[in-house]
C-alpha atoms as a PDB file:
ATOM      1  CA  MET A   1      -0.113   0.155   0.056  1.00  0.00           C
ATOM      2  CA  ALA A   2       3.032   2.447   0.912  1.00  0.00           C
ATOM      3  CA  SER A   3       4.233   1.429  -2.659  1.00  0.00           C
ATOM      4  CA  ASN A   4       0.922   2.565  -4.409  1.00  0.00           C
ATOM      5  CA  LEU A   5       0.900   5.456  -2.147  1.00  0.00           C
ATOM      6  CA  SER A   6       4.617   6.507  -3.398  1.00  0.00           C
ATOM      7  CA  ALA A   7       3.615   5.957  -6.791  1.00  0.00           C
ATOM      8  CA  GLU A   8       0.536   7.981  -6.849  1.00  0.00           C
ATOM      9  CA  ILE A   9       2.244  10.862  -5.201  1.00  0.00           C
ATOM     10  CA  ALA A  10       5.076  10.721  -7.621  1.00  0.00           C
ATOM     11  CA  ARG A  11       2.443  10.534 -10.484  1.00  0.00           C
ATOM     12  CA  TRP A  12       0.565  13.476  -8.929  1.00  0.00           C
ATOM     13  CA  PHE A  13       3.681  15.412  -8.613  1.00  0.00           C
ATOM     14  CA  GLU A  14       4.759  14.796 -12.430  1.00  0.00           C
ATOM     15  CA  ASN A  15       1.200  15.929 -13.418  1.00  0.00           C
ATOM     16  CA  THR A  16       1.391  19.093 -11.373  1.00  0.00           C
ATOM     17  CA  GLN A  17       5.066  19.977 -13.022  1.00  0.00           C
ATOM     18  CA  ARG A  18       3.828  19.351 -16.347  1.00  0.00           C
ATOM     19  CA  LEU A  19       0.488  21.574 -15.580  1.00  0.00           C
ATOM     20  CA  VAL A  20       2.716  24.303 -14.083  1.00  0.00           C
ATOM     21  CA  GLU A  21       4.850  24.153 -17.350  1.00  0.00           C
ATOM     22  CA  ARG A  22       1.929  24.678 -19.367  1.00  0.00           C
ATOM     23  CA  PHE A  23       0.713  27.584 -17.470  1.00  0.00           C
ATOM     24  CA  ALA A  24       3.968  29.111 -17.983  1.00  0.00           C
ATOM     25  CA  GLU A  25       4.079  28.369 -21.696  1.00  0.00           C
ATOM     26  CA  ALA A  26       0.266  29.712 -21.807  1.00  0.00           C
ATOM     27  CA  ALA A  27       1.412  32.844 -19.921  1.00  0.00           C
ATOM     28  CA  GLN A  28       4.501  33.581 -22.253  1.00  0.00           C
ATOM     29  CA  GLN A  29       2.033  33.094 -25.257  1.00  0.00           C
ATOM     30  CA  GLN A  30      -0.289  35.379 -23.964  1.00  0.00           C
ATOM     31  CA  ASP A  31       2.466  38.014 -23.223  1.00  0.00           C
ATOM     32  CA  GLN A  32       3.705  37.611 -27.074  1.00  0.00           C
ATOM     33  CA  LEU A  33      -0.041  37.877 -28.254  1.00  0.00           C
ATOM     34  CA  LYS A  34      -0.617  41.035 -26.280  1.00  0.00           C
ATOM     35  CA  ALA A  35       2.680  42.602 -27.614  1.00  0.00           C
ATOM     36  CA  LEU A  36       1.432  41.628 -31.439  1.00  0.00           C
ATOM     37  CA  VAL A  37      -1.992  43.053 -30.704  1.00  0.00           C
ATOM     38  CA  ALA A  38      -0.350  46.503 -29.372  1.00  0.00           C
ATOM     39  CA  ALA A  39       1.957  46.600 -32.496  1.00  0.00           C
ATOM     40  CA  LEU A  40      -1.005  45.819 -34.941  1.00  0.00           C
ATOM     41  CA  GLU A  41      -3.107  48.319 -33.118  1.00  0.00           C
ATOM     42  CA  ARG A  42      -0.206  51.141 -33.394  1.00  0.00           C
ATOM     43  CA  ASP A  43      -0.153  49.943 -37.250  1.00  0.00           C
ATOM     44  CA  ASN A  44      -3.727  50.351 -37.654  1.00  0.00           C
ATOM     45  CA  GLU A  45      -3.709  53.833 -36.275  1.00  0.00           C
ATOM     46  CA  HIS A  46      -0.886  54.854 -38.182  1.00  0.00           C
ATOM     47  CA  LEU A  47      -2.585  53.657 -41.327  1.00  0.00           C
ATOM     48  CA  ARG A  48      -6.051  55.377 -40.381  1.00  0.00           C
ATOM     49  CA  ARG A  49      -4.008  58.521 -40.342  1.00  0.00           C
ATOM     50  CA  GLU A  50      -2.252  57.902 -43.654  1.00  0.00           C
ATOM     51  CA  VAL A  51      -5.638  57.261 -45.294  1.00  0.00           C
ATOM     52  CA  GLU A  52      -7.214  60.468 -43.709  1.00  0.00           C
ATOM     53  CA  GLU A  53      -4.217  62.539 -44.931  1.00  0.00           C
ATOM     54  CA  LEU A  54      -4.482  60.894 -48.385  1.00  0.00           C
ATOM     55  CA  ARG A  55      -8.352  61.609 -48.471  1.00  0.00           C
ATOM     56  CA  THR A  56      -7.741  65.163 -47.763  1.00  0.00           C
ATOM     57  CA  GLU A  57      -5.143  65.300 -50.361  1.00  0.00           C
ATOM     58  CA  ARG A  58      -7.243  63.911 -52.938  1.00  0.00           C
ATOM     59  CA  ALA A  59     -10.034  66.216 -52.213  1.00  0.00           C
ATOM     60  CA  GLY A  60      -7.644  69.179 -52.564  1.00  0.00           C
ATOM     61  CA  VAL A  61      -6.465  67.744 -56.139  1.00  0.00           C
ATOM     62  CA  ALA A  62      -9.886  67.205 -56.755  1.00  0.00           C
ATOM     63  CA  GLU A  63     -10.881  70.725 -56.294  1.00  0.00           C
ATOM     64  CA  VAL A  64      -7.833  71.889 -58.179  1.00  0.00           C
ATOM     65  CA  LEU A  65      -8.842  70.054 -61.360  1.00  0.00           C
ATOM     66  CA  ARG A  66     -12.452  70.982 -61.242  1.00  0.00           C
ATOM     67  CA  ALA A  67     -11.238  74.806 -60.999  1.00  0.00           C
ATOM     68  CA  LEU A  68      -9.050  73.818 -64.013  1.00  0.00           C
ATOM     69  CA  ALA A  69     -11.633  72.277 -66.032  1.00  0.00           C
ATOM     70  CA  ASP A  70     -13.867  75.214 -65.121  1.00  0.00           C
ATOM     71  CA  ASP A  71     -11.268  77.654 -66.748  1.00  0.00           C
ATOM     72  CA  LEU A  72     -10.920  75.471 -69.619  1.00  0.00           C
ATOM     73  CA  ASN A  73     -14.446  74.905 -70.461  1.00  0.00           C
ATOM     74  CA  PRO A  74     -16.181  78.011 -68.916  1.00  0.00           C
ATOM     75  CA  THR A  75     -20.123  77.717 -68.922  1.00  0.00           C
ATOM     76  CA  PRO A  76     -22.056  79.980 -71.347  1.00  0.00           C
ATOM     77  CA  ASP A  77     -22.937  82.331 -68.492  1.00  0.00           C
ATOM     78  CA  GLU A  78     -19.185  82.873 -67.818  1.00  0.00           C
ATOM     79  CA  SER A  79     -18.066  83.739 -71.558  1.00  0.00           C
END
């Protein structure tokens, strides 16, 4: 019986060690994922700002092109 108890305690200890190792691995993976999410959020924000700048620039170019088109093709009221 003592032999069975010793074997059971040894098995329990080994299982506990594996469990603790898996928890440590999971914690490390979680930290890596958090860092990745933070980097992706920064990249996303950078891209949002860049898209907004390009939209503003595009609107300005469109306005200039409309003005040029109006100058090159005046309406009959403007002649």
